[in-house]
Protein backbone atom coordinates (compact mmCIF):
# COMPACT_ATOMS: atom_id res chain seq x y z
CA MET A 1 132.47 84.39 163.36
CA ILE A 2 132.36 86.97 160.67
CA THR A 3 135.70 87.74 158.92
CA PRO A 4 136.89 90.41 156.46
CA ASP A 5 136.31 87.92 153.50
CA ASP A 6 132.58 87.89 154.20
CA VAL A 7 132.21 91.28 152.70
CA GLU A 8 132.51 89.43 149.23
CA PHE A 9 130.34 86.82 147.68
CA HIS A 10 130.17 83.52 149.34
CA THR A 11 130.59 80.14 147.39
CA PRO A 12 127.19 78.76 146.92
CA ASP A 13 126.46 75.44 148.65
CA ASP A 14 125.39 74.11 145.14
CA PRO A 15 126.58 75.86 141.94
CA HIS A 16 123.30 74.75 140.35
CA ASP A 17 120.81 75.82 142.74
CA PRO A 18 118.88 78.64 141.43
CA THR A 19 117.57 79.86 144.81
CA TRP A 20 121.03 80.61 146.19
CA ALA A 21 120.92 84.37 147.17
CA GLU A 22 123.37 86.92 148.67
CA THR A 23 121.87 90.26 149.99
CA ASN A 24 122.82 93.55 151.54
CA TYR A 25 120.44 96.01 153.14
CA PHE A 26 121.35 99.58 154.15
CA GLY A 27 118.53 101.27 155.92
CA PHE A 28 118.71 104.97 157.21
CA TYR A 29 116.44 107.85 157.85
CA ASN A 30 115.84 111.63 158.69
CA ALA A 31 113.74 111.33 161.96
CA GLU A 32 112.61 115.01 161.78
CA LEU A 33 111.06 114.52 158.38
CA HIS A 34 109.92 111.11 159.12
CA THR A 35 111.73 109.81 155.85
CA ASN A 36 112.74 106.31 155.65
CA ILE A 37 115.26 105.20 153.10
CA GLY A 38 116.24 101.58 152.03
CA LEU A 39 118.88 100.39 149.64
CA TYR A 40 118.53 96.67 148.99
CA THR A 41 119.98 94.14 146.56
CA ILE A 42 119.46 90.30 146.40
CA PHE A 43 122.03 88.66 144.12
CA ARG A 44 121.30 85.40 142.47
CA PRO A 45 124.95 84.42 141.44
CA ASN A 46 123.94 81.03 139.91
CA LEU A 47 121.65 82.88 137.57
CA GLY A 48 123.71 86.03 136.98
CA VAL A 49 121.13 88.36 138.06
CA VAL A 50 120.44 90.90 140.82
CA MET A 51 117.18 92.31 142.16
CA SER A 52 117.28 95.93 143.55
CA THR A 53 115.02 98.21 145.35
CA ILE A 54 115.52 101.81 146.29
CA SER A 55 112.87 103.13 148.57
CA ILE A 56 112.08 106.38 150.14
CA ASN A 57 108.97 107.08 152.08
CA SER A 58 107.71 109.76 154.55
CA GLY A 59 103.98 109.15 154.83
CA GLN A 60 101.20 106.60 154.83
CA ALA A 61 101.91 104.73 151.67
CA ARG A 62 99.55 101.85 151.55
CA GLN A 63 100.48 101.34 148.05
CA PRO A 64 103.96 101.34 146.57
CA TRP A 65 103.32 104.33 144.25
CA LEU A 66 102.24 106.46 147.03
CA ALA A 67 105.91 106.49 148.53
CA ASP A 68 108.06 109.54 147.84
CA PHE A 69 110.12 107.32 145.56
CA PHE A 70 110.34 103.59 144.75
CA ASP A 71 112.63 101.97 141.98
CA HIS A 72 112.20 98.22 141.73
CA GLN A 73 114.24 96.40 139.15
CA ALA A 74 114.31 92.65 138.87
CA HIS A 75 116.78 91.34 136.27
CA LEU A 76 119.77 93.44 136.42
CA ALA A 77 122.95 91.84 135.52
CA ILE A 78 125.63 91.13 138.05
CA PRO A 79 128.74 92.95 137.15
CA GLU A 80 131.40 90.84 135.46
CA ASP A 81 134.09 91.57 138.02
CA GLY A 82 131.93 89.71 140.67
CA ARG A 83 132.82 91.86 143.69
CA LEU A 84 130.29 92.37 146.31
CA SER A 85 132.44 95.12 148.15
CA ASP A 86 132.56 97.38 145.05
CA PHE A 87 129.93 97.37 142.45
CA THR A 88 127.75 99.51 140.27
CA LEU A 89 124.38 98.38 138.80
CA ALA A 90 122.60 99.60 135.65
CA ASN A 91 119.88 101.05 137.91
CA GLY A 92 122.39 103.60 139.13
CA LEU A 93 123.11 101.96 142.51
CA SER A 94 126.71 101.95 143.54
CA ILE A 95 128.17 100.48 146.68
CA THR A 96 131.89 100.72 147.74
CA CYS A 97 133.38 99.19 150.98
CA HIS A 98 136.26 101.19 152.08
CA GLU A 99 137.10 98.90 155.02
CA PRO A 100 135.78 95.22 155.11
CA ASN A 101 132.43 95.02 156.85
CA MET A 102 133.01 98.41 158.66
CA LYS A 103 132.91 101.39 156.20
CA TRP A 104 130.85 101.87 152.96
CA HIS A 105 129.94 104.58 150.42
CA LEU A 106 126.33 104.18 149.48
CA GLY A 107 125.56 105.87 146.01
CA TYR A 108 122.52 106.06 143.86
CA ASP A 109 121.49 108.29 140.79
CA ASP A 110 118.61 107.61 138.62
CA GLY A 111 119.48 110.32 136.22
CA GLN A 112 116.12 112.17 136.98
CA GLY A 113 117.05 114.02 140.11
CA THR A 114 116.79 111.27 142.79
CA VAL A 115 120.45 110.73 144.41
CA VAL A 116 121.86 109.11 147.30
CA ASP A 117 125.24 110.12 148.56
CA VAL A 118 125.76 108.56 152.09
CA GLU A 119 128.75 107.30 154.15
CA TYR A 120 128.26 104.46 156.52
CA THR A 121 130.67 103.85 159.42
CA SER A 122 130.07 100.92 161.63
CA LEU A 123 129.92 101.40 165.59
CA MET A 124 130.54 97.67 166.11
CA GLN A 125 131.76 94.38 164.82
CA PRO A 126 129.30 92.53 162.71
CA PHE A 127 127.04 90.58 164.85
CA ASP A 128 126.89 86.83 163.72
CA ILE A 129 123.40 85.30 164.63
CA HIS A 130 124.99 81.79 164.37
CA ASP A 131 128.00 82.46 166.67
CA PRO A 132 127.40 81.22 170.14
CA ASP A 133 130.19 83.49 171.34
CA GLN A 134 128.02 86.43 170.24
CA ASP A 135 124.52 85.14 170.57
CA PRO A 136 123.65 83.70 174.03
CA ILE A 137 120.36 82.31 172.56
CA VAL A 138 122.34 80.24 169.80
CA ALA A 139 124.67 79.12 172.64
CA ALA A 140 121.78 77.85 174.68
CA GLN A 141 120.29 75.97 171.60
CA GLN A 142 123.56 74.43 170.77
CA ALA A 143 123.87 73.14 174.38
CA ALA A 144 120.23 71.71 174.20
CA ALA A 145 120.92 70.42 170.65
CA SER A 146 117.82 72.39 169.41
CA GLY A 147 117.40 74.30 166.09
CA THR A 148 118.17 77.99 165.36
CA PHE A 149 115.97 80.51 163.71
CA ALA A 150 117.56 81.40 160.14
CA TRP A 151 114.38 82.70 158.29
CA GLY A 152 114.18 79.24 156.50
CA THR A 153 117.57 78.80 154.84
CA ALA A 154 117.87 82.57 153.74
CA TYR A 155 119.81 83.44 156.84
CA ASN A 156 122.26 80.40 156.81
CA GLY A 157 124.86 83.15 156.88
CA HIS A 158 123.79 86.46 158.39
CA PHE A 159 125.08 89.41 160.35
CA ASP A 160 123.40 92.59 161.55
CA GLN A 161 125.43 95.74 162.47
CA THR A 162 124.64 99.19 163.81
CA GLY A 163 126.47 102.33 162.48
CA HIS A 164 126.39 105.97 161.68
CA PHE A 165 124.99 107.12 158.40
CA VAL A 166 125.99 110.68 157.24
CA GLY A 167 125.22 112.42 153.85
CA HIS A 168 122.23 113.43 151.83
CA VAL A 169 119.23 112.17 149.73
CA ASP A 170 118.01 114.16 146.81
CA VAL A 171 114.34 113.24 145.77
CA ARG A 172 113.62 114.71 142.36
CA GLY A 173 115.98 117.68 143.33
CA LYS A 174 114.58 118.10 147.00
CA ARG A 175 117.55 117.61 149.45
CA ILE A 176 117.11 115.52 152.68
CA PRO A 177 119.94 115.66 155.05
CA ILE A 178 120.95 112.42 156.61
CA ASP A 179 122.71 111.94 160.02
CA CYS A 180 121.39 109.18 161.91
CA VAL A 181 122.28 105.91 163.68
CA SER A 182 120.69 102.82 162.05
CA THR A 183 121.17 99.24 161.21
CA MET A 184 122.38 97.27 158.03
CA ASP A 185 122.55 93.64 157.43
CA HIS A 186 124.04 90.98 155.05
CA SER A 187 122.86 87.50 154.53
CA TRP A 188 123.60 84.50 152.23
CA GLY A 189 122.04 81.13 151.69
CA PRO A 190 119.26 79.33 149.69
CA ARG A 191 116.23 81.61 149.31
CA LYS A 192 113.19 80.37 147.80
CA GLU A 193 110.56 82.83 146.42
CA ARG A 194 107.52 81.21 148.38
CA GLY A 195 106.93 79.97 151.86
CA ALA A 196 109.21 81.95 154.08
CA PRO A 197 108.17 82.11 157.72
CA ASN A 198 107.03 85.30 159.28
CA MET A 199 109.81 87.45 160.71
CA SER A 200 109.95 90.71 162.51
CA TRP A 201 113.20 92.50 162.14
CA PHE A 202 113.44 95.89 163.90
CA HIS A 203 115.69 98.45 165.74
CA ALA A 204 115.64 101.28 167.93
CA HIS A 205 118.54 104.06 168.07
CA PHE A 206 119.00 106.64 170.69
CA GLY A 207 122.31 107.87 169.63
CA THR A 208 125.79 106.30 169.19
CA ASP A 209 125.88 105.20 172.75
CA TYR A 210 122.57 103.23 172.81
CA ALA A 211 120.61 101.01 170.39
CA LEU A 212 118.66 97.76 169.96
CA HIS A 213 118.50 95.46 167.19
CA SER A 214 116.33 92.29 167.23
CA ILE A 215 114.77 89.60 165.08
CA TRP A 216 111.60 87.93 166.21
CA SER A 217 109.16 85.23 164.91
CA PHE A 218 105.34 85.68 165.20
CA ASP A 219 102.07 84.02 164.11
CA HIS A 220 100.21 86.64 162.10
CA THR A 221 96.54 85.72 162.55
CA GLY A 222 94.97 88.86 164.23
CA GLY A 223 95.48 92.41 165.07
CA THR A 224 98.00 91.73 167.98
CA ASP A 225 100.91 89.41 167.67
CA GLU A 226 102.82 87.99 170.46
CA LEU A 227 106.74 88.05 169.48
CA THR A 228 109.18 85.22 170.10
CA LEU A 229 112.72 86.35 170.24
CA ALA A 230 115.18 84.74 167.86
CA HIS A 231 118.37 86.91 167.81
CA GLY A 232 119.42 90.31 168.88
CA TYR A 233 121.74 92.66 170.86
CA VAL A 234 121.80 96.00 172.61
CA LEU A 235 124.80 98.25 171.74
CA LYS A 236 125.50 100.12 175.09
CA ASP A 237 128.40 102.49 175.51
CA GLY A 238 130.34 100.61 172.78
CA GLU A 239 129.57 97.25 174.20
CA VAL A 240 127.77 94.64 172.09
CA ARG A 241 125.51 92.68 174.48
CA GLY A 242 123.76 89.65 172.86
CA LEU A 243 120.07 89.08 173.91
CA ALA A 244 119.51 85.95 176.02
CA ALA A 245 115.77 86.33 176.29
CA GLY A 246 112.82 88.60 175.63
CA THR A 247 109.10 88.94 175.27
CA GLY A 248 107.11 91.33 173.12
CA ARG A 249 103.93 92.15 171.31
CA THR A 250 102.87 94.07 168.16
CA VAL A 251 99.59 95.89 167.86
CA ARG A 252 98.75 96.20 164.14
CA ASP A 253 96.21 98.08 162.05
CA ALA A 254 93.78 96.53 159.66
CA ASP A 255 96.58 96.73 156.75
CA HIS A 256 99.07 94.75 158.93
CA TYR A 257 101.25 97.66 159.86
CA ALA A 258 102.81 97.97 163.26
CA ARG A 259 101.18 100.76 165.41
CA GLN A 260 102.61 99.88 168.77
CA VAL A 261 105.45 97.54 169.68
CA GLU A 262 106.44 96.80 173.34
CA VAL A 263 109.46 94.51 174.10
CA GLU A 264 111.36 93.58 177.16
CA VAL A 265 114.82 91.96 176.65
CA SER A 266 117.61 90.87 178.80
CA ASP A 267 121.41 90.29 177.92
CA ALA A 268 123.49 87.24 179.23
CA ASN A 269 124.39 89.16 182.28
CA GLY A 270 120.76 89.46 183.26
CA ARG A 271 120.56 93.21 182.62
CA SER A 272 117.08 94.21 181.53
CA TYR A 273 115.97 96.76 178.85
CA ALA A 274 112.41 97.98 177.76
CA PHE A 275 111.42 99.65 174.57
CA THR A 276 108.02 101.00 173.25
CA GLY A 277 107.60 101.90 169.73
CA GLU A 278 104.98 103.98 167.89
CA GLY A 279 104.53 103.60 164.20
CA LEU A 280 105.03 106.82 162.20
CA THR A 281 104.94 105.67 158.53
CA ARG A 282 103.60 102.82 156.22
CA PHE A 283 105.13 101.33 153.17
CA PRO A 284 104.47 97.92 151.53
CA TRP A 285 107.95 96.91 150.63
CA GLN A 286 107.50 93.95 148.23
CA PHE A 287 111.47 93.48 147.89
CA VAL A 288 111.13 90.03 146.61
CA PRO A 289 108.29 87.89 144.97
CA ASN A 290 105.67 86.57 147.40
CA THR A 291 106.83 88.37 150.52
CA VAL A 292 105.66 91.89 151.73
CA GLY A 293 107.73 93.68 154.28
CA PHE A 294 105.39 95.97 156.13
CA ASN A 295 107.87 98.84 156.67
CA VAL A 296 107.40 101.36 159.35
CA LEU A 297 109.62 104.12 160.69
CA ALA A 298 108.99 104.12 164.42
CA ARG A 299 109.48 106.45 167.32
CA TRP A 300 110.84 104.59 170.24
CA GLN A 301 111.14 105.21 173.95
CA SER A 302 113.45 103.59 176.40
CA ASP A 303 115.03 104.50 179.79
CA GLY A 304 113.50 108.10 179.37
CA ARG A 305 115.09 108.61 176.02
CA THR A 306 113.52 109.01 172.55
CA GLY A 307 114.96 107.40 169.47
CA HIS A 308 113.90 106.23 165.96
CA GLY A 309 114.31 102.94 163.94
CA GLU A 310 112.86 100.82 161.32
CA ILE A 311 110.28 98.03 161.82
CA GLN A 312 110.13 95.38 159.09
CA ASP A 313 107.42 92.71 159.38
CA PHE A 314 107.90 90.17 156.75
CA VAL A 315 104.72 87.97 155.82
CA ASP A 316 104.40 85.64 152.87
CA VAL A 317 101.74 86.65 150.40
CA THR A 318 100.14 83.31 150.31
CA THR A 319 99.59 83.74 154.13
CA LEU A 320 98.10 87.09 153.43
CA THR A 321 95.66 85.68 150.72
CA GLU A 322 94.65 82.97 153.26
CA LEU A 323 93.88 85.50 155.89
CA THR A 324 91.91 87.67 153.32
CA GLU A 325 89.85 84.46 152.32
CA ALA A 326 89.11 83.75 156.07
CA GLU A 327 87.83 87.40 156.47
CA ARG A 328 85.70 87.11 153.36
CA SER A 329 84.34 83.85 154.71
CA ARG A 330 83.52 85.38 157.99
CA ALA A 331 81.79 88.41 156.35
CA THR A 332 79.68 86.04 154.17
CA ALA A 333 78.61 83.94 157.14
CA GLY A 334 77.78 87.06 159.10
CA SER A 335 75.51 88.43 156.40
CA ALA A 336 73.74 85.10 155.88
């Protein structure tokens, strides 16, 4: 169960473990302009440093420098007051929580015309992926004494939450209004910089009354990936419905980005939901070393409604180099 105290830093399992990490991610968008914005921090309290990325993309950015804006700084000092609920970093990012785990102000100013000024108000309580009272999949796994998916150990503590983002973003002086429903997350646990398993983290939003958020695992070896549901919920008319089962598939292009996603999920009461997504953008978000988040803003269809949401497909770079080597070997064999 997530409590108000979880808005702050957690005590590391081992005060000497350099891999201990605590993260916050706030992702939002302007659907009309196909502009996707992400504010991310990964704190390493035992090392005294934080990595931060500010990403803004509206097109087919197959390289980071083709995005509308990208600021990636790896060794910022953690502020001395040590509060995760209220901090300002040297890169110009400032996050202030007005109500624990429910309301935030998101700010950024690079001093060169790129500014974020957005208020986030949650539409639900935090969804704890380890709480069997919220997550039917975890409840079933505990009953069967089987393991749970926590993205290695990086999600030993983790919640997702859907909310309403309102404000504006300026990109080198050009204003982009923000008024959307989207999803943030917060995680803590040991997080190594190599060997993370594949994970698809995505959501679809159709207004304040209907949204999906879900986490899936997948074996990325070809152009189409079958998805295995790990955690998720549907937010329907103010009720959070934890997902009990689901199937899905992602069709990717040659550069690993999701072009089409189809999922069918059901909650603990047997209510079913179907979603179909179409990728609109591309951005290779290398938010930590050795992992690429193939970031896509998608247009979603469900129950006769059109919505939008972000697809983040995380793949370890060493896995990608193995795939590339296999492709080279097949090409060499074919030309022999």
